[in-house]
């Protein structure tokens, strides 16, 4: 193998390594998400108020109130806000929560639940294709 070819290969090792690491992180995140879903309970939450924040203008973040199966009331604030508000007081939404820790709450929507596994896998797959593709192609281009 000549020196120029060896010199250029380190970049593909790096790309492939980053892809493998992100792929493993996506699988671990998916496992964690599925474990959460397995033990989570559903509840109907109602927007009880809108908090206002100053962030390049006024941003509204909804405060949801829901009751657990033990009839204990909890409040959940959506971690992001919008302007104009995407929610109105009185609107309802399904949430899922950990019965052992009801403060661990997520809105019951596909992307909110699977956001991290989807983001990580969407970055990992192209890296795996580029990094692994180089080594596969190198076998045929000798």
Protein backbone atom coordinates (compact mmCIF):
# COMPACT_ATOMS: atom_id res chain seq x y z
CA UNK A 1 0.00 0.00 0.00
CA UNK A 2 1.54 3.31 -0.98
CA UNK A 3 1.99 6.21 1.41
CA UNK A 4 -0.67 8.49 -0.17
CA UNK A 5 -3.37 5.84 0.13
CA UNK A 6 -2.48 5.16 3.79
CA UNK A 7 -2.42 8.89 4.51
CA UNK A 8 -5.97 9.36 3.16
CA UNK A 9 -7.46 6.35 5.01
CA UNK A 10 -7.43 7.88 8.52
CA UNK A 11 -10.38 10.10 7.58
CA UNK A 12 -12.51 7.07 6.73
CA UNK A 13 -11.57 5.34 9.96
CA UNK A 14 -12.67 8.48 11.80
CA UNK A 15 -15.96 8.70 9.87
CA UNK A 16 -16.67 4.99 10.37
CA UNK A 17 -15.79 5.22 14.09
CA UNK A 18 -18.07 8.22 14.60
CA UNK A 19 -20.85 6.37 12.77
CA UNK A 20 -20.44 3.28 14.96
CA UNK A 21 -20.43 5.36 18.16
CA UNK A 22 -23.56 7.28 17.13
CA UNK A 23 -25.28 4.06 16.03
CA UNK A 24 -24.60 2.46 19.42
CA UNK A 25 -25.83 5.63 21.15
CA UNK A 26 -29.02 5.47 19.04
CA UNK A 27 -29.59 1.83 20.04
CA UNK A 28 -29.03 2.64 23.73
CA UNK A 29 -31.39 5.60 23.48
CA UNK A 30 -34.00 3.42 21.78
CA UNK A 31 -33.63 0.79 24.50
CA UNK A 32 -34.08 3.44 27.20
CA UNK A 33 -37.14 4.83 25.41
CA UNK A 34 -38.73 1.40 25.04
CA UNK A 35 -38.12 0.62 28.72
CA UNK A 36 -39.78 3.92 29.64
CA UNK A 37 -42.76 3.14 27.38
CA UNK A 38 -43.09 -0.35 28.86
CA UNK A 39 -43.62 0.94 32.39
CA UNK A 40 -45.19 4.34 31.60
CA UNK A 41 -48.81 5.15 32.29
CA UNK A 42 -51.07 7.45 30.24
CA UNK A 43 -53.02 10.40 31.54
CA UNK A 44 -54.98 13.26 30.03
CA UNK A 45 -53.37 16.60 30.77
CA UNK A 46 -55.06 19.99 30.52
CA UNK A 47 -53.35 23.30 29.78
CA UNK A 48 -53.99 25.31 32.93
CA UNK A 49 -51.90 28.37 32.09
CA UNK A 50 -49.32 29.81 29.72
CA UNK A 51 -45.99 31.05 31.09
CA UNK A 52 -44.40 33.98 29.31
CA UNK A 53 -40.65 34.15 28.74
CA UNK A 54 -38.48 36.80 27.19
CA UNK A 55 -36.40 35.20 24.42
CA UNK A 56 -36.01 37.46 21.38
CA UNK A 57 -39.58 38.53 22.07
CA UNK A 58 -42.27 36.99 24.22
CA UNK A 59 -42.50 33.19 24.11
CA UNK A 60 -45.37 31.16 25.59
CA UNK A 61 -44.84 27.81 27.30
CA UNK A 62 -47.87 25.77 28.39
CA UNK A 63 -48.30 24.37 31.89
CA UNK A 64 -50.14 21.03 31.85
CA UNK A 65 -51.91 19.54 34.85
CA UNK A 66 -52.70 15.84 35.03
CA UNK A 67 -53.74 13.26 37.61
CA UNK A 68 -51.93 9.99 38.16
CA UNK A 69 -53.78 6.73 38.69
CA UNK A 70 -53.30 7.36 42.44
CA UNK A 71 -55.35 10.57 41.97
CA UNK A 72 -52.37 12.83 42.72
CA UNK A 73 -52.21 16.01 40.66
CA UNK A 74 -48.97 16.99 38.93
CA UNK A 75 -47.96 19.94 36.78
CA UNK A 76 -45.75 19.60 33.74
CA UNK A 77 -44.25 22.52 31.85
CA UNK A 78 -43.35 21.99 28.22
CA UNK A 79 -39.61 22.69 27.94
CA UNK A 80 -39.99 24.88 24.86
CA UNK A 81 -42.23 27.74 23.92
CA UNK A 82 -43.66 29.37 20.82
CA UNK A 83 -44.93 32.73 19.66
CA UNK A 84 -47.80 32.80 18.96
CA UNK A 85 -48.76 30.19 21.51
CA UNK A 86 -49.39 26.72 20.08
CA UNK A 87 -51.69 25.96 23.02
CA UNK A 88 -54.74 27.55 24.59
CA UNK A 89 -55.84 27.28 28.20
CA UNK A 90 -58.27 24.39 28.50
CA UNK A 91 -56.82 22.29 25.66
CA UNK A 92 -56.06 18.67 26.49
CA UNK A 93 -53.27 16.34 25.45
CA UNK A 94 -52.29 12.79 26.35
CA UNK A 95 -49.11 12.48 28.41
CA UNK A 96 -47.15 9.48 29.59
CA UNK A 97 -45.33 9.41 32.89
CA UNK A 98 -43.22 7.09 34.99
CA UNK A 99 -45.44 5.78 37.83
CA UNK A 100 -42.38 5.61 40.11
CA UNK A 101 -41.45 9.23 39.29
CA UNK A 102 -44.48 11.17 37.98
CA UNK A 103 -42.31 14.22 37.38
CA UNK A 104 -40.78 12.28 34.44
CA UNK A 105 -43.39 13.23 31.84
CA UNK A 106 -43.55 13.39 28.03
CA UNK A 107 -46.30 14.40 25.66
CA UNK A 108 -47.53 11.23 23.99
CA UNK A 109 -46.49 12.01 20.41
CA UNK A 110 -44.24 9.94 18.16
CA UNK A 111 -41.50 12.50 17.64
CA UNK A 112 -41.34 13.61 21.29
CA UNK A 113 -40.92 10.02 22.42
CA UNK A 114 -38.48 8.87 19.73
CA UNK A 115 -36.64 12.16 19.05
CA UNK A 116 -33.17 11.17 20.25
CA UNK A 117 -33.07 7.71 18.66
CA UNK A 118 -34.26 9.23 15.36
CA UNK A 119 -31.77 12.11 15.45
CA UNK A 120 -28.84 9.87 16.35
CA UNK A 121 -29.65 7.22 13.75
CA UNK A 122 -30.16 9.86 11.03
CA UNK A 123 -26.62 11.12 11.68
CA UNK A 124 -25.07 7.66 12.17
CA UNK A 125 -26.34 5.97 8.99
CA UNK A 126 -24.74 8.36 6.46
CA UNK A 127 -21.47 8.17 8.40
CA UNK A 128 -21.60 4.37 8.33
CA UNK A 129 -22.36 4.38 4.59
CA UNK A 130 -19.50 6.76 3.75
CA UNK A 131 -16.96 5.25 6.15
CA UNK A 132 -17.88 1.62 5.53
CA UNK A 133 -18.43 2.19 1.83
CA UNK A 134 -14.83 3.27 1.41
CA UNK A 135 -13.51 0.02 2.86
CA UNK A 136 -15.97 -2.10 0.87
CA UNK A 137 -15.10 -0.27 -2.34
CA UNK A 138 -11.38 -0.63 -1.59
CA UNK A 139 -11.81 -4.44 -1.71
CA UNK A 140 -13.08 -4.22 -5.30
CA UNK A 141 -10.72 -1.52 -6.53
CA UNK A 142 -7.40 -3.23 -5.78
